PDB file of N, CA and C in Angstrom:
ATOM      1  N   UNK A   1      -0.783   3.408 -16.082  1.00  0.00           N
ATOM      2  CA  UNK A   1      -0.942   2.622 -14.858  1.00  0.00           C
ATOM      3  C   UNK A   1      -0.542   3.371 -13.649  1.00  0.00           C
ATOM      4  N   UNK A   2      -1.356   3.200 -12.630  1.00  0.00           N
ATOM      5  CA  UNK A   2      -1.032   3.928 -11.353  1.00  0.00           C
ATOM      6  C   UNK A   2      -0.167   2.988 -10.556  1.00  0.00           C
ATOM      7  N   UNK A   3       1.016   3.439 -10.059  1.00  0.00           N
ATOM      8  CA  UNK A   3       1.960   2.612  -9.227  1.00  0.00           C
ATOM      9  C   UNK A   3       2.174   3.291  -7.946  1.00  0.00           C
ATOM     10  N   UNK A   4       1.898   2.596  -6.882  1.00  0.00           N
ATOM     11  CA  UNK A   4       2.233   3.012  -5.510  1.00  0.00           C
ATOM     12  C   UNK A   4       3.344   2.147  -5.035  1.00  0.00           C
ATOM     13  N   UNK A   5       4.533   2.745  -4.866  1.00  0.00           N
ATOM     14  CA  UNK A   5       5.715   1.991  -4.386  1.00  0.00           C
ATOM     15  C   UNK A   5       6.024   2.399  -2.933  1.00  0.00           C
ATOM     16  N   UNK A   6       6.076   1.395  -2.086  1.00  0.00           N
ATOM     17  CA  UNK A   6       6.391   1.647  -0.623  1.00  0.00           C
ATOM     18  C   UNK A   6       7.811   1.145  -0.401  1.00  0.00           C
ATOM     19  N   UNK A   7       8.470   1.771   0.562  1.00  0.00           N
ATOM     20  CA  UNK A   7       9.796   1.358   0.955  1.00  0.00           C
ATOM     21  C   UNK A   7       9.821   0.959   2.406  1.00  0.00           C
ATOM     22  N   UNK A   8       9.667  -0.358   2.621  1.00  0.00           N
ATOM     23  CA  UNK A   8       9.689  -0.873   3.994  1.00  0.00           C
ATOM     24  C   UNK A   8      10.944  -0.621   4.715  1.00  0.00           C
ATOM     25  N   UNK A   9      12.050  -0.280   4.120  1.00  0.00           N
ATOM     26  CA  UNK A   9      13.233   0.002   4.774  1.00  0.00           C
ATOM     27  C   UNK A   9      13.238   1.291   5.612  1.00  0.00           C
ATOM     28  N   UNK A  10      12.248   2.151   5.325  1.00  0.00           N
ATOM     29  CA  UNK A  10      12.195   3.440   6.008  1.00  0.00           C
ATOM     30  C   UNK A  10      10.906   3.484   6.879  1.00  0.00           C
ATOM     31  N   UNK A  11      10.235   2.321   7.183  1.00  0.00           N
ATOM     32  CA  UNK A  11       9.123   2.234   8.032  1.00  0.00           C
ATOM     33  C   UNK A  11       9.439   1.757   9.388  1.00  0.00           C
ATOM     34  N   UNK A  12       9.138   2.611  10.383  1.00  0.00           N
ATOM     35  CA  UNK A  12       9.275   2.150  11.716  1.00  0.00           C
ATOM     36  C   UNK A  12       7.940   1.969  12.414  1.00  0.00           C
ATOM     37  N   UNK A  13       6.844   2.457  11.746  1.00  0.00           N
ATOM     38  CA  UNK A  13       5.496   2.488  12.325  1.00  0.00           C
ATOM     39  C   UNK A  13       4.503   2.643  11.099  1.00  0.00           C
ATOM     40  N   UNK A  14       3.307   2.435  11.509  1.00  0.00           N
ATOM     41  CA  UNK A  14       2.248   2.637  10.461  1.00  0.00           C
ATOM     42  C   UNK A  14       2.165   4.067  10.033  1.00  0.00           C
ATOM     43  N   UNK A  15       2.525   5.032  10.937  1.00  0.00           N
ATOM     44  CA  UNK A  15       2.572   6.380  10.577  1.00  0.00           C
ATOM     45  C   UNK A  15       3.552   6.590   9.360  1.00  0.00           C
ATOM     46  N   UNK A  16       4.659   5.872   9.334  1.00  0.00           N
ATOM     47  CA  UNK A  16       5.605   5.959   8.214  1.00  0.00           C
ATOM     48  C   UNK A  16       4.909   5.460   6.939  1.00  0.00           C
ATOM     49  N   UNK A  17       4.258   4.357   7.040  1.00  0.00           N
ATOM     50  CA  UNK A  17       3.541   3.867   5.843  1.00  0.00           C
ATOM     51  C   UNK A  17       2.539   4.836   5.341  1.00  0.00           C
ATOM     52  N   UNK A  18       1.721   5.379   6.264  1.00  0.00           N
ATOM     53  CA  UNK A  18       0.784   6.405   5.795  1.00  0.00           C
ATOM     54  C   UNK A  18       1.460   7.705   5.207  1.00  0.00           C
ATOM     55  N   UNK A  19       2.611   7.994   5.703  1.00  0.00           N
ATOM     56  CA  UNK A  19       3.303   9.182   5.128  1.00  0.00           C
ATOM     57  C   UNK A  19       3.833   8.875   3.745  1.00  0.00           C
ATOM     58  N   UNK A  20       4.175   7.639   3.532  1.00  0.00           N
ATOM     59  CA  UNK A  20       4.594   7.375   2.061  1.00  0.00           C
ATOM     60  C   UNK A  20       3.444   7.336   1.138  1.00  0.00           C
ATOM     61  N   UNK A  21       2.278   6.782   1.637  1.00  0.00           N
ATOM     62  CA  UNK A  21       1.059   6.823   0.819  1.00  0.00           C
ATOM     63  C   UNK A  21       0.627   8.310   0.540  1.00  0.00           C
ATOM     64  N   UNK A  22       0.783   9.134   1.544  1.00  0.00           N
ATOM     65  CA  UNK A  22       0.294  10.519   1.365  1.00  0.00           C
ATOM     66  C   UNK A  22       1.095  11.259   0.313  1.00  0.00           C
ATOM     67  N   UNK A  23       2.358  10.885   0.077  1.00  0.00           N
ATOM     68  CA  UNK A  23       3.098  11.535  -0.856  1.00  0.00           C
ATOM     69  C   UNK A  23       2.752  11.211  -2.353  1.00  0.00           C
ATOM     70  N   UNK A  24       1.880  10.152  -2.506  1.00  0.00           N
ATOM     71  CA  UNK A  24       1.459   9.766  -3.855  1.00  0.00           C
ATOM     72  C   UNK A  24       0.451  10.788  -4.414  1.00  0.00           C
ATOM     73  N   UNK A  25       0.633  11.138  -5.665  1.00  0.00           N
ATOM     74  CA  UNK A  25      -0.295  12.322  -6.198  1.00  0.00           C
ATOM     75  C   UNK A  25      -1.709  11.956  -6.182  1.00  0.00           C
ATOM     76  N   UNK A  26      -2.112  10.655  -6.143  1.00  0.00           N
ATOM     77  CA  UNK A  26      -3.535  10.390  -6.122  1.00  0.00           C
ATOM     78  C   UNK A  26      -4.118  10.250  -4.740  1.00  0.00           C
ATOM     79  N   UNK A  27      -3.318  10.475  -3.719  1.00  0.00           N
ATOM     80  CA  UNK A  27      -3.872  10.420  -2.371  1.00  0.00           C
ATOM     81  C   UNK A  27      -4.246  11.886  -1.996  1.00  0.00           C
ATOM     82  N   UNK A  28      -5.502  12.007  -1.583  1.00  0.00           N
ATOM     83  CA  UNK A  28      -6.012  13.322  -1.190  1.00  0.00           C
ATOM     84  C   UNK A  28      -5.268  13.837   0.134  1.00  0.00           C
ATOM     85  N   UNK A  29      -5.147  15.091   0.140  1.00  0.00           N
ATOM     86  CA  UNK A  29      -4.500  15.685   1.301  1.00  0.00           C
ATOM     87  C   UNK A  29      -5.092  15.535   2.679  1.00  0.00           C
ATOM     88  N   UNK A  30      -6.466  15.281   2.582  1.00  0.00           N
ATOM     89  CA  UNK A  30      -7.130  15.117   3.886  1.00  0.00           C
ATOM     90  C   UNK A  30      -7.493  13.730   4.312  1.00  0.00           C
ATOM     91  N   UNK A  31      -6.765  12.755   3.744  1.00  0.00           N
ATOM     92  CA  UNK A  31      -7.015  11.386   4.068  1.00  0.00           C
ATOM     93  C   UNK A  31      -6.615  11.035   5.507  1.00  0.00           C
ATOM     94  N   UNK A  32      -7.324  10.259   6.203  1.00  0.00           N
ATOM     95  CA  UNK A  32      -6.965   9.856   7.560  1.00  0.00           C
ATOM     96  C   UNK A  32      -5.821   8.857   7.663  1.00  0.00           C
ATOM     97  N   UNK A  33      -4.896   9.053   8.584  1.00  0.00           N
ATOM     98  CA  UNK A  33      -3.854   8.141   8.705  1.00  0.00           C
ATOM     99  C   UNK A  33      -4.205   6.810   9.498  1.00  0.00           C
ATOM    100  N   UNK A  34      -5.156   6.082   8.883  1.00  0.00           N
ATOM    101  CA  UNK A  34      -5.519   4.778   9.572  1.00  0.00           C
ATOM    102  C   UNK A  34      -5.796   3.831   8.464  1.00  0.00           C
ATOM    103  N   UNK A  35      -5.880   2.515   8.705  1.00  0.00           N
ATOM    104  CA  UNK A  35      -5.982   1.508   7.734  1.00  0.00           C
ATOM    105  C   UNK A  35      -7.316   1.519   6.984  1.00  0.00           C
ATOM    106  N   UNK A  36      -8.357   1.896   7.731  1.00  0.00           N
ATOM    107  CA  UNK A  36      -9.636   1.997   7.078  1.00  0.00           C
ATOM    108  C   UNK A  36      -9.684   3.103   6.052  1.00  0.00           C
ATOM    109  N   UNK A  37      -9.077   4.207   6.355  1.00  0.00           N
ATOM    110  CA  UNK A  37      -9.016   5.334   5.393  1.00  0.00           C
ATOM    111  C   UNK A  37      -8.109   4.971   4.270  1.00  0.00           C
ATOM    112  N   UNK A  38      -7.089   4.192   4.492  1.00  0.00           N
ATOM    113  CA  UNK A  38      -6.138   3.782   3.394  1.00  0.00           C
ATOM    114  C   UNK A  38      -6.952   2.911   2.350  1.00  0.00           C
ATOM    115  N   UNK A  39      -7.723   2.044   2.914  1.00  0.00           N
ATOM    116  CA  UNK A  39      -8.561   1.173   2.000  1.00  0.00           C
ATOM    117  C   UNK A  39      -9.463   2.088   1.138  1.00  0.00           C
ATOM    118  N   UNK A  40     -10.123   3.082   1.817  1.00  0.00           N
ATOM    119  CA  UNK A  40     -11.019   3.935   1.124  1.00  0.00           C
ATOM    120  C   UNK A  40     -10.309   4.677   0.077  1.00  0.00           C
ATOM    121  N   UNK A  41      -9.134   5.248   0.383  1.00  0.00           N
ATOM    122  CA  UNK A  41      -8.364   6.006  -0.574  1.00  0.00           C
ATOM    123  C   UNK A  41      -7.960   5.182  -1.787  1.00  0.00           C
ATOM    124  N   UNK A  42      -7.547   3.954  -1.549  1.00  0.00           N
ATOM    125  CA  UNK A  42      -7.179   3.089  -2.662  1.00  0.00           C
ATOM    126  C   UNK A  42      -8.348   2.812  -3.558  1.00  0.00           C
ATOM    127  N   UNK A  43      -9.481   2.706  -3.055  1.00  0.00           N
ATOM    128  CA  UNK A  43     -10.694   2.438  -3.882  1.00  0.00           C
ATOM    129  C   UNK A  43     -11.268   3.673  -4.486  1.00  0.00           C
ATOM    130  N   UNK A  44     -11.260   4.822  -3.836  1.00  0.00           N
ATOM    131  CA  UNK A  44     -11.976   5.990  -4.359  1.00  0.00           C
ATOM    132  C   UNK A  44     -11.002   6.897  -5.215  1.00  0.00           C
ATOM    133  N   UNK A  45      -9.757   6.890  -4.950  1.00  0.00           N
ATOM    134  CA  UNK A  45      -8.876   7.951  -5.540  1.00  0.00           C
ATOM    135  C   UNK A  45      -7.850   7.344  -6.566  1.00  0.00           C
ATOM    136  N   UNK A  46      -7.487   6.056  -6.367  1.00  0.00           N
ATOM    137  CA  UNK A  46      -6.457   5.514  -7.240  1.00  0.00           C
ATOM    138  C   UNK A  46      -7.221   4.880  -8.503  1.00  0.00           C
ATOM    139  N   UNK A  47      -6.572   5.001  -9.625  1.00  0.00           N
ATOM    140  CA  UNK A  47      -7.178   4.554 -10.872  1.00  0.00           C
ATOM    141  C   UNK A  47      -6.552   3.260 -11.395  1.00  0.00           C
ATOM    142  N   UNK A  48      -7.323   2.470 -12.021  1.00  0.00           N
ATOM    143  CA  UNK A  48      -6.874   1.200 -12.590  1.00  0.00           C
ATOM    144  C   UNK A  48      -6.275   1.433 -13.974  1.00  0.00           C
ATOM    145  N   UNK A  49      -5.316   0.695 -14.442  1.00  0.00           N
ATOM    146  CA  UNK A  49      -4.767  -0.379 -13.705  1.00  0.00           C
ATOM    147  C   UNK A  49      -3.824   0.100 -12.560  1.00  0.00           C
ATOM    148  N   UNK A  50      -3.867  -0.626 -11.448  1.00  0.00           N
ATOM    149  CA  UNK A  50      -3.153  -0.223 -10.248  1.00  0.00           C
ATOM    150  C   UNK A  50      -2.087  -1.329  -9.869  1.00  0.00           C
ATOM    151  N   UNK A  51      -0.891  -0.926  -9.635  1.00  0.00           N
ATOM    152  CA  UNK A  51       0.169  -1.736  -9.129  1.00  0.00           C
ATOM    153  C   UNK A  51       0.657  -1.163  -7.813  1.00  0.00           C
ATOM    154  N   UNK A  52       0.643  -2.002  -6.802  1.00  0.00           N
ATOM    155  CA  UNK A  52       1.150  -1.650  -5.446  1.00  0.00           C
ATOM    156  C   UNK A  52       2.419  -2.533  -5.196  1.00  0.00           C
ATOM    157  N   UNK A  53       3.539  -1.904  -5.019  1.00  0.00           N
ATOM    158  CA  UNK A  53       4.777  -2.598  -4.856  1.00  0.00           C
ATOM    159  C   UNK A  53       5.322  -2.211  -3.455  1.00  0.00           C
ATOM    160  N   UNK A  54       5.594  -3.246  -2.631  1.00  0.00           N
ATOM    161  CA  UNK A  54       6.143  -2.993  -1.250  1.00  0.00           C
ATOM    162  C   UNK A  54       7.491  -3.607  -1.225  1.00  0.00           C
ATOM    163  N   UNK A  55       8.486  -2.698  -1.399  1.00  0.00           N
ATOM    164  CA  UNK A  55       9.930  -3.198  -1.360  1.00  0.00           C
ATOM    165  C   UNK A  55      10.429  -3.182   0.118  1.00  0.00           C
ATOM    166  N   UNK A  56      11.428  -3.885   0.288  1.00  0.00           N
ATOM    167  CA  UNK A  56      12.041  -4.022   1.654  1.00  0.00           C
ATOM    168  C   UNK A  56      10.951  -4.467   2.672  1.00  0.00           C
ATOM    169  N   UNK A  57      10.146  -5.360   2.183  1.00  0.00           N
ATOM    170  CA  UNK A  57       9.099  -5.921   3.013  1.00  0.00           C
ATOM    171  C   UNK A  57       9.596  -6.603   4.296  1.00  0.00           C
ATOM    172  N   UNK A  58      10.712  -7.333   4.163  1.00  0.00           N
ATOM    173  CA  UNK A  58      11.291  -7.946   5.354  1.00  0.00           C
ATOM    174  C   UNK A  58      11.596  -6.915   6.467  1.00  0.00           C
ATOM    175  N   UNK A  59      12.170  -5.826   6.097  1.00  0.00           N
ATOM    176  CA  UNK A  59      12.455  -4.719   7.050  1.00  0.00           C
ATOM    177  C   UNK A  59      11.223  -4.193   7.721  1.00  0.00           C
ATOM    178  N   UNK A  60      10.141  -4.026   6.834  1.00  0.00           N
ATOM    179  CA  UNK A  60       8.941  -3.520   7.371  1.00  0.00           C
ATOM    180  C   UNK A  60       8.196  -4.561   8.299  1.00  0.00           C
ATOM    181  N   UNK A  61       8.275  -5.772   7.856  1.00  0.00           N
ATOM    182  CA  UNK A  61       7.684  -6.871   8.695  1.00  0.00           C
ATOM    183  C   UNK A  61       8.314  -6.819  10.149  1.00  0.00           C
ATOM    184  N   UNK A  62       9.649  -6.713  10.147  1.00  0.00           N
ATOM    185  CA  UNK A  62      10.311  -6.673  11.487  1.00  0.00           C
ATOM    186  C   UNK A  62      10.057  -5.433  12.259  1.00  0.00           C
ATOM    187  N   UNK A  63       9.910  -4.293  11.606  1.00  0.00           N
ATOM    188  CA  UNK A  63       9.683  -3.073  12.295  1.00  0.00           C
ATOM    189  C   UNK A  63       8.162  -2.870  12.782  1.00  0.00           C
ATOM    190  N   UNK A  64       7.278  -3.309  11.867  1.00  0.00           N
ATOM    191  CA  UNK A  64       5.869  -3.115  12.103  1.00  0.00           C
ATOM    192  C   UNK A  64       5.222  -4.202  12.976  1.00  0.00           C
ATOM    193  N   UNK A  65       5.847  -5.359  13.038  1.00  0.00           N
ATOM    194  CA  UNK A  65       5.269  -6.454  13.795  1.00  0.00           C
ATOM    195  C   UNK A  65       3.890  -6.861  13.300  1.00  0.00           C
ATOM    196  N   UNK A  66       2.769  -6.940  14.124  1.00  0.00           N
ATOM    197  CA  UNK A  66       1.540  -7.339  13.675  1.00  0.00           C
ATOM    198  C   UNK A  66       0.859  -6.361  12.762  1.00  0.00           C
ATOM    199  N   UNK A  67       1.307  -5.124  12.806  1.00  0.00           N
ATOM    200  CA  UNK A  67       0.671  -4.095  11.953  1.00  0.00           C
ATOM    201  C   UNK A  67       1.094  -4.407  10.500  1.00  0.00           C
ATOM    202  N   UNK A  68       2.172  -5.093  10.182  1.00  0.00           N
ATOM    203  CA  UNK A  68       2.563  -5.485   8.823  1.00  0.00           C
ATOM    204  C   UNK A  68       1.513  -6.314   8.216  1.00  0.00           C
ATOM    205  N   UNK A  69       1.011  -7.328   8.963  1.00  0.00           N
ATOM    206  CA  UNK A  69       0.015  -8.194   8.393  1.00  0.00           C
ATOM    207  C   UNK A  69      -1.351  -7.497   8.224  1.00  0.00           C
ATOM    208  N   UNK A  70      -1.650  -6.604   9.054  1.00  0.00           N
ATOM    209  CA  UNK A  70      -2.862  -5.794   8.962  1.00  0.00           C
ATOM    210  C   UNK A  70      -2.838  -4.949   7.765  1.00  0.00           C
ATOM    211  N   UNK A  71      -1.664  -4.225   7.523  1.00  0.00           N
ATOM    212  CA  UNK A  71      -1.537  -3.319   6.362  1.00  0.00           C
ATOM    213  C   UNK A  71      -1.451  -4.146   5.026  1.00  0.00           C
ATOM    214  N   UNK A  72      -0.867  -5.261   5.052  1.00  0.00           N
ATOM    215  CA  UNK A  72      -0.806  -6.187   3.914  1.00  0.00           C
ATOM    216  C   UNK A  72      -2.207  -6.604   3.527  1.00  0.00           C
ATOM    217  N   UNK A  73      -3.022  -6.868   4.518  1.00  0.00           N
ATOM    218  CA  UNK A  73      -4.432  -7.316   4.229  1.00  0.00           C
ATOM    219  C   UNK A  73      -5.218  -6.211   3.601  1.00  0.00           C
ATOM    220  N   UNK A  74      -4.914  -4.955   3.935  1.00  0.00           N
ATOM    221  CA  UNK A  74      -5.632  -3.860   3.295  1.00  0.00           C
ATOM    222  C   UNK A  74      -5.360  -3.774   1.773  1.00  0.00           C
ATOM    223  N   UNK A  75      -4.115  -3.992   1.468  1.00  0.00           N
ATOM    224  CA  UNK A  75      -3.664  -3.958   0.096  1.00  0.00           C
ATOM    225  C   UNK A  75      -4.270  -5.248  -0.653  1.00  0.00           C
ATOM    226  N   UNK A  76      -4.189  -6.348  -0.016  1.00  0.00           N
ATOM    227  CA  UNK A  76      -4.793  -7.538  -0.586  1.00  0.00           C
ATOM    228  C   UNK A  76      -6.251  -7.326  -0.844  1.00  0.00           C
ATOM    229  N   UNK A  77      -6.930  -6.776   0.100  1.00  0.00           N
ATOM    230  CA  UNK A  77      -8.423  -6.582  -0.046  1.00  0.00           C
ATOM    231  C   UNK A  77      -8.743  -5.500  -1.143  1.00  0.00           C
ATOM    232  N   UNK A  78      -7.920  -4.523  -1.265  1.00  0.00           N
ATOM    233  CA  UNK A  78      -8.130  -3.524  -2.300  1.00  0.00           C
ATOM    234  C   UNK A  78      -7.925  -4.156  -3.677  1.00  0.00           C
ATOM    235  N   UNK A  79      -6.946  -4.978  -3.836  1.00  0.00           N
ATOM    236  CA  UNK A  79      -6.701  -5.652  -5.127  1.00  0.00           C
ATOM    237  C   UNK A  79      -7.899  -6.605  -5.479  1.00  0.00           C
ATOM    238  N   UNK A  80      -8.365  -7.293  -4.386  1.00  0.00           N
ATOM    239  CA  UNK A  80      -9.487  -8.228  -4.657  1.00  0.00           C
ATOM    240  C   UNK A  80     -10.755  -7.380  -4.992  1.00  0.00           C
ATOM    241  N   UNK A  81     -10.927  -6.207  -4.497  1.00  0.00           N
ATOM    242  CA  UNK A  81     -12.074  -5.373  -4.853  1.00  0.00           C
ATOM    243  C   UNK A  81     -11.973  -4.945  -6.272  1.00  0.00           C
ATOM    244  N   UNK A  82     -10.731  -4.510  -6.658  1.00  0.00           N
ATOM    245  CA  UNK A  82     -10.490  -4.140  -8.057  1.00  0.00           C
ATOM    246  C   UNK A  82     -10.834  -5.237  -9.071  1.00  0.00           C
ATOM    247  N   UNK A  83     -10.339  -6.464  -8.648  1.00  0.00           N
ATOM    248  CA  UNK A  83     -10.665  -7.682  -9.479  1.00  0.00           C
ATOM    249  C   UNK A  83     -12.127  -7.983  -9.592  1.00  0.00           C
ATOM    250  N   UNK A  84     -12.906  -7.814  -8.424  1.00  0.00           N
ATOM    251  CA  UNK A  84     -14.283  -8.023  -8.452  1.00  0.00           C
ATOM    252  C   UNK A  84     -15.089  -7.124  -9.362  1.00  0.00           C
ATOM    253  N   UNK A  85     -14.499  -5.953  -9.507  1.00  0.00           N
ATOM    254  CA  UNK A  85     -15.099  -4.893 -10.368  1.00  0.00           C
ATOM    255  C   UNK A  85     -14.657  -4.974 -11.836  1.00  0.00           C
ATOM    256  N   UNK A  86     -13.768  -5.996 -12.110  1.00  0.00           N
ATOM    257  CA  UNK A  86     -13.213  -6.148 -13.440  1.00  0.00           C
ATOM    258  C   UNK A  86     -12.112  -5.199 -13.791  1.00  0.00           C
ATOM    259  N   UNK A  87     -11.501  -4.630 -12.795  1.00  0.00           N
ATOM    260  CA  UNK A  87     -10.320  -3.727 -13.041  1.00  0.00           C
ATOM    261  C   UNK A  87      -9.066  -4.391 -12.657  1.00  0.00           C
ATOM    262  N   UNK A  88      -7.977  -4.004 -13.387  1.00  0.00           N
ATOM    263  CA  UNK A  88      -6.645  -4.625 -13.249  1.00  0.00           C
ATOM    264  C   UNK A  88      -5.988  -4.006 -11.949  1.00  0.00           C
ATOM    265  N   UNK A  89      -5.426  -4.934 -11.213  1.00  0.00           N
ATOM    266  CA  UNK A  89      -4.661  -4.508 -10.048  1.00  0.00           C
ATOM    267  C   UNK A  89      -3.762  -5.626  -9.581  1.00  0.00           C
ATOM    268  N   UNK A  90      -2.573  -5.295  -9.095  1.00  0.00           N
ATOM    269  CA  UNK A  90      -1.649  -6.284  -8.610  1.00  0.00           C
ATOM    270  C   UNK A  90      -0.966  -5.697  -7.363  1.00  0.00           C
ATOM    271  N   UNK A  91      -0.644  -6.547  -6.401  1.00  0.00           N
ATOM    272  CA  UNK A  91       0.101  -6.217  -5.219  1.00  0.00           C
ATOM    273  C   UNK A  91       1.325  -7.109  -5.115  1.00  0.00           C
ATOM    274  N   UNK A  92       2.520  -6.564  -5.179  1.00  0.00           N
ATOM    275  CA  UNK A  92       3.725  -7.324  -5.159  1.00  0.00           C
ATOM    276  C   UNK A  92       4.489  -6.950  -3.856  1.00  0.00           C
ATOM    277  N   UNK A  93       4.874  -8.056  -3.159  1.00  0.00           N
ATOM    278  CA  UNK A  93       5.763  -7.912  -1.974  1.00  0.00           C
ATOM    279  C   UNK A  93       7.108  -8.285  -2.450  1.00  0.00           C
ATOM    280  N   UNK A  94       8.158  -7.437  -2.192  1.00  0.00           N
ATOM    281  CA  UNK A  94       9.511  -7.732  -2.516  1.00  0.00           C
ATOM    282  C   UNK A  94      10.281  -7.694  -1.191  1.00  0.00           C
ATOM    283  N   UNK A  95      10.847  -8.789  -0.792  1.00  0.00           N
ATOM    284  CA  UNK A  95      11.388  -8.866   0.508  1.00  0.00           C
ATOM    285  C   UNK A  95      12.627  -7.915   0.710  1.00  0.00           C
ATOM    286  N   UNK A  96      13.441  -7.762  -0.258  1.00  0.00           N
ATOM    287  CA  UNK A  96      14.643  -6.923  -0.290  1.00  0.00           C
ATOM    288  C   UNK A  96      14.252  -5.607  -1.112  1.00  0.00           C
ATOM    289  N   UNK A  97      15.380  -4.976  -1.543  1.00  0.00           N
ATOM    290  CA  UNK A  97      15.227  -3.648  -2.259  1.00  0.00           C
ATOM    291  C   UNK A  97      15.186  -3.894  -3.753  1.00  0.00           C
ATOM    292  N   UNK A  98      15.331  -5.098  -4.185  1.00  0.00           N
ATOM    293  CA  UNK A  98      15.467  -5.353  -5.709  1.00  0.00           C
ATOM    294  C   UNK A  98      14.103  -4.982  -6.348  1.00  0.00           C
ATOM    295  N   UNK A  99      14.221  -4.794  -7.620  1.00  0.00           N
ATOM    296  CA  UNK A  99      12.965  -4.509  -8.403  1.00  0.00           C
ATOM    297  C   UNK A  99      12.175  -5.799  -8.565  1.00  0.00           C
ATOM    298  N   UNK A 100      10.803  -5.645  -8.597  1.00  0.00           N
ATOM    299  CA  UNK A 100      10.052  -6.902  -8.803  1.00  0.00           C
ATOM    300  C   UNK A 100      10.234  -7.453 -10.173  1.00  0.00           C
TER     301      UNK A 100
END
C-alpha cells in the first residue's frame, strides 16, 4: 500500500503542503508546486492501493484558510478517480495528531 501522510501542524501555506508531498518517494522531482500538478502526480505516479492521511488538519485548516478546502478537494477527487478505475484508495482527515 502506498501511504502519503501529511502533517498539517507544520503547514503555513500551500508551499508547505507541496514540500511534504515532494518528500514522498513516488513524487517525481520535477512536479509543479500547484494543485493541478498535485492531482496529476497522485494519478500518474502513486500506486494503488493508496492511503492519504492528513493529520493535524485543524491546524492546517486555520493556517491555509480557503486553500485548505481547495487542497482537500484535490485529494477527494483523486480518491474518486481511483475508485472509478476500480482501484483502492482512501483519504482520511485527522483533526489532531492522533493516528487514524
